[in-house]
N, C-alpha and C. Protein backbone atom coordinates (compact mmCIF):
# COMPACT_ATOMS: atom_id res chain seq x y z
N MET A 1 0.84 -1.17 0.00
CA MET A 1 0.00 0.00 0.00
C MET A 1 0.88 1.24 0.00
N PRO A 2 0.61 2.17 -0.92
CA PRO A 2 1.43 3.39 -0.96
C PRO A 2 1.21 4.25 0.29
N SER A 3 2.25 4.94 0.70
CA SER A 3 2.12 5.82 1.86
C SER A 3 2.32 7.27 1.42
N LEU A 4 1.92 8.19 2.27
CA LEU A 4 2.05 9.61 1.96
C LEU A 4 3.53 10.00 1.93
N ASP A 5 3.89 10.84 0.99
CA ASP A 5 5.24 11.39 0.96
C ASP A 5 5.43 12.39 2.09
N LYS A 6 4.34 13.10 2.42
CA LYS A 6 4.40 14.14 3.43
C LYS A 6 2.97 14.42 3.90
N VAL A 7 2.77 14.64 5.17
CA VAL A 7 1.45 14.99 5.70
C VAL A 7 1.26 16.50 5.56
N LEU A 8 0.24 16.91 4.81
CA LEU A 8 -0.06 18.32 4.62
C LEU A 8 -1.09 18.83 5.63
N TYR A 9 -1.95 17.94 6.11
CA TYR A 9 -3.02 18.34 7.03
C TYR A 9 -3.55 17.09 7.71
N THR A 10 -3.95 17.22 8.96
CA THR A 10 -4.60 16.13 9.68
C THR A 10 -5.91 16.65 10.25
N ALA A 11 -7.01 16.03 9.88
CA ALA A 11 -8.32 16.36 10.44
C ALA A 11 -8.51 15.52 11.69
N ARG A 12 -8.99 16.15 12.76
CA ARG A 12 -9.24 15.44 14.00
C ARG A 12 -10.69 15.68 14.43
N VAL A 13 -11.44 14.59 14.52
CA VAL A 13 -12.86 14.67 14.86
C VAL A 13 -13.16 13.64 15.94
N HIS A 14 -13.92 14.06 16.95
CA HIS A 14 -14.36 13.18 18.03
C HIS A 14 -15.85 12.90 17.82
N THR A 15 -16.22 11.63 17.74
CA THR A 15 -17.61 11.23 17.51
C THR A 15 -18.10 10.38 18.67
N THR A 16 -19.33 10.65 19.08
CA THR A 16 -20.00 9.86 20.10
C THR A 16 -21.34 9.39 19.57
N GLY A 17 -21.80 8.24 20.00
CA GLY A 17 -23.15 7.78 19.69
C GLY A 17 -23.36 7.19 18.31
N GLY A 18 -22.36 7.21 17.45
CA GLY A 18 -22.50 6.59 16.13
C GLY A 18 -23.49 7.32 15.24
N ARG A 19 -24.33 6.56 14.56
CA ARG A 19 -25.25 7.12 13.57
C ARG A 19 -26.35 7.98 14.18
N ASP A 20 -26.54 7.94 15.46
CA ASP A 20 -27.51 8.83 16.10
C ASP A 20 -26.83 9.64 17.20
N GLY A 21 -25.59 10.02 16.97
CA GLY A 21 -24.80 10.76 17.94
C GLY A 21 -24.40 12.13 17.42
N ALA A 22 -23.12 12.47 17.60
CA ALA A 22 -22.62 13.78 17.20
C ALA A 22 -21.13 13.67 16.90
N SER A 23 -20.65 14.63 16.10
CA SER A 23 -19.23 14.73 15.77
C SER A 23 -18.80 16.18 15.91
N ARG A 24 -17.59 16.35 16.44
CA ARG A 24 -17.05 17.70 16.60
C ARG A 24 -15.55 17.65 16.30
N SER A 25 -15.11 18.62 15.47
CA SER A 25 -13.68 18.69 15.16
C SER A 25 -12.94 19.38 16.29
N ASP A 26 -11.64 19.13 16.38
CA ASP A 26 -10.84 19.71 17.46
C ASP A 26 -10.77 21.23 17.39
N ASP A 27 -10.98 21.81 16.20
CA ASP A 27 -10.96 23.27 16.08
C ASP A 27 -12.35 23.89 16.17
N GLY A 28 -13.40 23.05 16.34
CA GLY A 28 -14.76 23.53 16.49
C GLY A 28 -15.44 23.94 15.19
N ARG A 29 -14.76 23.83 14.07
CA ARG A 29 -15.37 24.25 12.80
C ARG A 29 -16.44 23.28 12.32
N LEU A 30 -16.33 22.04 12.72
CA LEU A 30 -17.35 21.04 12.42
C LEU A 30 -18.00 20.64 13.73
N ASP A 31 -19.30 20.76 13.80
CA ASP A 31 -20.05 20.41 15.01
C ASP A 31 -21.43 19.97 14.55
N VAL A 32 -21.61 18.68 14.33
CA VAL A 32 -22.85 18.18 13.74
C VAL A 32 -23.48 17.08 14.58
N ARG A 33 -24.79 17.02 14.49
CA ARG A 33 -25.58 15.94 15.07
C ARG A 33 -25.83 14.93 13.95
N HIS A 34 -25.96 13.68 14.33
CA HIS A 34 -26.24 12.62 13.36
C HIS A 34 -27.64 12.07 13.60
N SER A 35 -28.28 11.67 12.51
CA SER A 35 -29.56 10.96 12.55
C SER A 35 -29.45 9.78 11.60
N LEU A 36 -30.16 8.72 11.91
CA LEU A 36 -30.16 7.56 11.04
C LEU A 36 -30.75 7.93 9.69
N PRO A 37 -30.17 7.44 8.58
CA PRO A 37 -30.73 7.75 7.26
C PRO A 37 -32.20 7.33 7.18
N GLY A 38 -33.00 8.20 6.60
CA GLY A 38 -34.41 7.89 6.41
C GLY A 38 -35.29 8.08 7.63
N THR A 39 -34.72 8.60 8.74
CA THR A 39 -35.53 8.85 9.93
C THR A 39 -35.82 10.34 10.03
N PRO A 40 -36.78 10.71 10.87
CA PRO A 40 -37.16 12.12 10.95
C PRO A 40 -36.24 12.99 11.81
N GLY A 41 -35.06 12.52 12.16
CA GLY A 41 -34.14 13.31 12.97
C GLY A 41 -33.68 14.57 12.25
N THR A 42 -33.04 15.46 12.99
CA THR A 42 -32.60 16.73 12.42
C THR A 42 -31.13 16.71 12.03
N GLY A 43 -30.44 15.63 12.27
CA GLY A 43 -29.01 15.58 11.98
C GLY A 43 -28.71 15.06 10.59
N THR A 44 -27.44 15.08 10.27
CA THR A 44 -26.94 14.55 9.00
C THR A 44 -26.58 13.08 9.20
N ASN A 45 -26.01 12.45 8.19
CA ASN A 45 -25.56 11.07 8.34
C ASN A 45 -24.23 10.90 7.61
N PRO A 46 -23.51 9.81 7.89
CA PRO A 46 -22.19 9.63 7.29
C PRO A 46 -22.19 9.65 5.76
N GLU A 47 -23.27 9.17 5.14
CA GLU A 47 -23.30 9.16 3.68
C GLU A 47 -23.39 10.58 3.13
N GLN A 48 -24.18 11.44 3.78
CA GLN A 48 -24.25 12.84 3.36
C GLN A 48 -22.90 13.53 3.56
N LEU A 49 -22.25 13.26 4.67
CA LEU A 49 -20.94 13.86 4.92
C LEU A 49 -19.92 13.38 3.89
N PHE A 50 -19.97 12.10 3.54
CA PHE A 50 -19.06 11.56 2.53
C PHE A 50 -19.34 12.21 1.17
N ALA A 51 -20.62 12.37 0.82
CA ALA A 51 -20.98 13.01 -0.44
C ALA A 51 -20.47 14.44 -0.49
N ALA A 52 -20.63 15.17 0.60
CA ALA A 52 -20.16 16.55 0.66
C ALA A 52 -18.63 16.60 0.55
N GLY A 53 -17.96 15.75 1.29
CA GLY A 53 -16.50 15.73 1.26
C GLY A 53 -15.95 15.34 -0.10
N TYR A 54 -16.51 14.29 -0.70
CA TYR A 54 -16.01 13.82 -1.99
C TYR A 54 -16.25 14.89 -3.06
N SER A 55 -17.45 15.48 -3.10
CA SER A 55 -17.73 16.46 -4.15
C SER A 55 -16.87 17.71 -3.99
N ALA A 56 -16.66 18.16 -2.76
CA ALA A 56 -15.79 19.33 -2.53
C ALA A 56 -14.35 19.02 -2.92
N CYS A 57 -13.88 17.85 -2.55
CA CYS A 57 -12.52 17.44 -2.88
C CYS A 57 -12.36 17.30 -4.39
N PHE A 58 -13.37 16.77 -5.06
CA PHE A 58 -13.28 16.59 -6.51
C PHE A 58 -13.20 17.93 -7.22
N ILE A 59 -13.95 18.93 -6.74
CA ILE A 59 -13.84 20.27 -7.33
C ILE A 59 -12.43 20.82 -7.10
N GLY A 60 -11.88 20.58 -5.93
CA GLY A 60 -10.50 20.99 -5.68
C GLY A 60 -9.53 20.34 -6.64
N ALA A 61 -9.74 19.05 -6.93
CA ALA A 61 -8.88 18.35 -7.89
C ALA A 61 -9.07 18.93 -9.29
N LEU A 62 -10.30 19.25 -9.67
CA LEU A 62 -10.56 19.88 -10.97
C LEU A 62 -9.80 21.20 -11.08
N LYS A 63 -9.86 22.01 -10.02
CA LYS A 63 -9.17 23.30 -10.02
C LYS A 63 -7.66 23.11 -10.15
N GLY A 64 -7.12 22.13 -9.45
CA GLY A 64 -5.69 21.88 -9.53
C GLY A 64 -5.25 21.44 -10.91
N VAL A 65 -5.99 20.51 -11.49
CA VAL A 65 -5.66 20.00 -12.83
C VAL A 65 -5.81 21.12 -13.87
N ALA A 66 -6.92 21.86 -13.78
CA ALA A 66 -7.15 22.94 -14.74
C ALA A 66 -6.06 24.01 -14.63
N GLY A 67 -5.65 24.32 -13.41
CA GLY A 67 -4.60 25.31 -13.22
C GLY A 67 -3.28 24.88 -13.84
N ARG A 68 -2.92 23.61 -13.66
CA ARG A 68 -1.68 23.10 -14.25
C ARG A 68 -1.74 23.11 -15.77
N GLN A 69 -2.94 22.92 -16.32
CA GLN A 69 -3.11 22.88 -17.77
C GLN A 69 -3.47 24.26 -18.35
N LYS A 70 -3.49 25.28 -17.49
CA LYS A 70 -3.81 26.66 -17.93
C LYS A 70 -5.19 26.75 -18.57
N ILE A 71 -6.15 26.02 -17.98
CA ILE A 71 -7.54 26.04 -18.45
C ILE A 71 -8.37 26.78 -17.40
N ALA A 72 -9.15 27.75 -17.84
CA ALA A 72 -10.01 28.48 -16.91
C ALA A 72 -11.31 27.70 -16.69
N LEU A 73 -11.55 27.33 -15.43
CA LEU A 73 -12.81 26.65 -15.11
C LEU A 73 -13.93 27.68 -15.03
N PRO A 74 -15.14 27.26 -15.38
CA PRO A 74 -16.26 28.18 -15.23
C PRO A 74 -16.50 28.50 -13.75
N ALA A 75 -16.99 29.71 -13.47
CA ALA A 75 -17.24 30.12 -12.09
C ALA A 75 -18.29 29.23 -11.43
N ASP A 76 -19.19 28.65 -12.23
CA ASP A 76 -20.26 27.84 -11.67
C ASP A 76 -19.99 26.33 -11.78
N VAL A 77 -18.71 25.95 -11.74
CA VAL A 77 -18.38 24.53 -11.67
C VAL A 77 -19.08 23.93 -10.46
N ALA A 78 -19.64 22.73 -10.63
CA ALA A 78 -20.37 22.09 -9.54
C ALA A 78 -20.28 20.57 -9.69
N VAL A 79 -20.44 19.88 -8.57
CA VAL A 79 -20.51 18.42 -8.58
C VAL A 79 -21.70 18.00 -7.73
N ASP A 80 -22.58 17.22 -8.31
CA ASP A 80 -23.68 16.60 -7.57
C ASP A 80 -23.21 15.20 -7.17
N ALA A 81 -23.23 14.91 -5.88
CA ALA A 81 -22.76 13.62 -5.39
C ALA A 81 -23.92 12.83 -4.80
N GLU A 82 -23.97 11.57 -5.14
CA GLU A 82 -24.94 10.64 -4.56
C GLU A 82 -24.16 9.48 -3.96
N VAL A 83 -24.45 9.15 -2.72
CA VAL A 83 -23.79 8.04 -2.05
C VAL A 83 -24.87 7.06 -1.62
N ASP A 84 -24.80 5.85 -2.16
CA ASP A 84 -25.75 4.79 -1.82
C ASP A 84 -25.19 3.95 -0.68
N LEU A 85 -26.04 3.53 0.22
CA LEU A 85 -25.72 2.61 1.31
C LEU A 85 -26.56 1.36 1.12
N GLY A 86 -25.95 0.20 1.19
CA GLY A 86 -26.73 -1.02 1.03
C GLY A 86 -25.95 -2.25 1.46
N PRO A 87 -26.69 -3.35 1.61
CA PRO A 87 -26.05 -4.60 2.04
C PRO A 87 -25.21 -5.21 0.92
N MET A 88 -24.15 -5.87 1.37
CA MET A 88 -23.27 -6.66 0.49
C MET A 88 -23.05 -7.99 1.21
N GLY A 89 -23.95 -8.91 1.00
CA GLY A 89 -23.87 -10.16 1.73
C GLY A 89 -24.11 -9.91 3.21
N GLU A 90 -23.14 -10.28 4.03
CA GLU A 90 -23.25 -10.11 5.48
C GLU A 90 -22.83 -8.72 5.95
N ALA A 91 -22.25 -7.92 5.06
CA ALA A 91 -21.72 -6.60 5.42
C ALA A 91 -22.56 -5.51 4.75
N TYR A 92 -22.09 -4.28 4.90
CA TYR A 92 -22.70 -3.13 4.23
C TYR A 92 -21.63 -2.41 3.43
N GLY A 93 -22.05 -1.74 2.38
CA GLY A 93 -21.12 -1.00 1.55
C GLY A 93 -21.76 0.25 1.00
N ILE A 94 -20.96 1.03 0.29
CA ILE A 94 -21.45 2.23 -0.35
C ILE A 94 -21.04 2.23 -1.82
N ALA A 95 -21.77 3.00 -2.61
CA ALA A 95 -21.43 3.25 -4.00
C ALA A 95 -21.63 4.75 -4.23
N VAL A 96 -20.86 5.31 -5.15
CA VAL A 96 -20.87 6.76 -5.37
C VAL A 96 -21.13 7.07 -6.83
N ARG A 97 -21.93 8.11 -7.04
CA ARG A 97 -22.14 8.68 -8.37
C ARG A 97 -21.84 10.18 -8.27
N LEU A 98 -20.94 10.65 -9.11
CA LEU A 98 -20.63 12.07 -9.19
C LEU A 98 -21.04 12.58 -10.56
N THR A 99 -21.84 13.63 -10.59
CA THR A 99 -22.21 14.29 -11.83
C THR A 99 -21.51 15.65 -11.83
N VAL A 100 -20.62 15.84 -12.79
CA VAL A 100 -19.76 17.03 -12.84
C VAL A 100 -20.32 18.02 -13.85
N HIS A 101 -20.51 19.26 -13.38
CA HIS A 101 -21.04 20.33 -14.22
C HIS A 101 -19.90 21.30 -14.55
N LEU A 102 -19.54 21.38 -15.82
CA LEU A 102 -18.51 22.30 -16.30
C LEU A 102 -19.09 23.09 -17.48
N PRO A 103 -20.09 23.94 -17.22
CA PRO A 103 -20.77 24.64 -18.31
C PRO A 103 -19.84 25.55 -19.09
N GLY A 104 -20.04 25.52 -20.40
CA GLY A 104 -19.26 26.40 -21.26
C GLY A 104 -17.96 25.80 -21.78
N LEU A 105 -17.51 24.70 -21.19
CA LEU A 105 -16.29 24.06 -21.70
C LEU A 105 -16.63 23.09 -22.81
N ASP A 106 -15.72 22.96 -23.76
CA ASP A 106 -15.83 21.96 -24.79
C ASP A 106 -15.96 20.59 -24.13
N ARG A 107 -16.86 19.76 -24.62
CA ARG A 107 -17.15 18.48 -23.97
C ARG A 107 -15.90 17.58 -23.86
N ALA A 108 -15.11 17.51 -24.91
CA ALA A 108 -13.90 16.67 -24.88
C ALA A 108 -12.90 17.20 -23.85
N GLN A 109 -12.74 18.52 -23.80
CA GLN A 109 -11.83 19.12 -22.83
C GLN A 109 -12.35 18.91 -21.41
N ALA A 110 -13.67 19.06 -21.21
CA ALA A 110 -14.27 18.85 -19.90
C ALA A 110 -14.09 17.41 -19.45
N GLN A 111 -14.30 16.46 -20.36
CA GLN A 111 -14.15 15.05 -20.00
C GLN A 111 -12.70 14.74 -19.63
N ALA A 112 -11.75 15.32 -20.36
CA ALA A 112 -10.33 15.12 -20.04
C ALA A 112 -10.01 15.67 -18.65
N LEU A 113 -10.59 16.81 -18.29
CA LEU A 113 -10.39 17.37 -16.95
C LEU A 113 -10.97 16.46 -15.87
N VAL A 114 -12.17 15.93 -16.12
CA VAL A 114 -12.81 15.02 -15.16
C VAL A 114 -11.94 13.78 -14.96
N ASP A 115 -11.46 13.22 -16.06
CA ASP A 115 -10.61 12.01 -15.97
C ASP A 115 -9.32 12.30 -15.21
N ALA A 116 -8.71 13.45 -15.48
CA ALA A 116 -7.47 13.81 -14.78
C ALA A 116 -7.72 14.08 -13.31
N ALA A 117 -8.82 14.75 -13.00
CA ALA A 117 -9.16 15.02 -11.60
C ALA A 117 -9.39 13.71 -10.84
N HIS A 118 -10.01 12.75 -11.50
CA HIS A 118 -10.27 11.45 -10.86
C HIS A 118 -8.95 10.72 -10.54
N ARG A 119 -7.92 10.97 -11.32
CA ARG A 119 -6.62 10.34 -11.06
C ARG A 119 -5.91 10.98 -9.86
N VAL A 120 -6.16 12.26 -9.58
CA VAL A 120 -5.42 12.94 -8.51
C VAL A 120 -6.24 13.20 -7.24
N CYS A 121 -7.56 13.14 -7.31
CA CYS A 121 -8.40 13.43 -6.15
C CYS A 121 -8.14 12.42 -5.02
N PRO A 122 -7.86 12.88 -3.81
CA PRO A 122 -7.62 11.96 -2.69
C PRO A 122 -8.78 10.99 -2.42
N TYR A 123 -10.02 11.48 -2.55
CA TYR A 123 -11.17 10.59 -2.34
C TYR A 123 -11.22 9.53 -3.43
N SER A 124 -10.96 9.92 -4.67
CA SER A 124 -10.95 8.95 -5.76
C SER A 124 -9.87 7.90 -5.54
N ASN A 125 -8.69 8.35 -5.09
CA ASN A 125 -7.61 7.40 -4.83
C ASN A 125 -7.92 6.50 -3.65
N ALA A 126 -8.60 7.01 -2.64
CA ALA A 126 -8.96 6.20 -1.48
C ALA A 126 -10.01 5.15 -1.82
N THR A 127 -10.91 5.48 -2.75
CA THR A 127 -12.01 4.57 -3.07
C THR A 127 -11.71 3.64 -4.23
N ARG A 128 -10.72 3.98 -5.05
CA ARG A 128 -10.43 3.21 -6.26
C ARG A 128 -10.20 1.74 -5.93
N GLY A 129 -10.98 0.87 -6.57
CA GLY A 129 -10.84 -0.56 -6.36
C GLY A 129 -11.56 -1.06 -5.12
N ASN A 130 -12.16 -0.15 -4.34
CA ASN A 130 -12.85 -0.54 -3.11
C ASN A 130 -14.36 -0.43 -3.22
N ILE A 131 -14.82 0.60 -3.92
CA ILE A 131 -16.26 0.80 -4.10
C ILE A 131 -16.53 1.23 -5.53
N ASP A 132 -17.77 1.08 -5.96
CA ASP A 132 -18.16 1.55 -7.28
C ASP A 132 -18.26 3.07 -7.28
N VAL A 133 -17.54 3.72 -8.17
CA VAL A 133 -17.63 5.17 -8.37
C VAL A 133 -17.93 5.40 -9.83
N THR A 134 -19.04 6.09 -10.09
CA THR A 134 -19.44 6.41 -11.45
C THR A 134 -19.34 7.92 -11.64
N LEU A 135 -18.60 8.33 -12.66
CA LEU A 135 -18.45 9.75 -12.98
C LEU A 135 -19.23 10.04 -14.27
N THR A 136 -20.02 11.11 -14.21
CA THR A 136 -20.79 11.52 -15.37
C THR A 136 -20.56 13.00 -15.60
N LEU A 137 -20.28 13.37 -16.83
CA LEU A 137 -20.17 14.77 -17.21
C LEU A 137 -21.55 15.25 -17.61
N ALA A 138 -22.07 16.27 -16.93
CA ALA A 138 -23.43 16.76 -17.19
C ALA A 138 -23.47 17.48 -18.53
């Protein structure tokens, strides 16, 4: 398994109660309550947090790749993320669908950016070969 060349940042979060508990980061910037998916609770759930994290990270990867290639991304670049939770035999797993919006870019150029971002995005690298990830250019 490849290891990091250098640690750039470490996120630290303390969670209690699991799927119906709470999570708080050591710097206080994240402070959320959790609710079970599909229940009437007021909190978020791990799948929503994963979707938010993956889509934000993917946009960051798009920006990095576009910057290196001297391509201007549209101001309204967006990623819609869907994270499915379901049984896999005796265990549970997730699957991800990312729909990438790059309005105004040539379709071939946009697809090349999406493919390159998928190669460098930390979430993509963490999930590659572990879960189904489907990328769609809107």
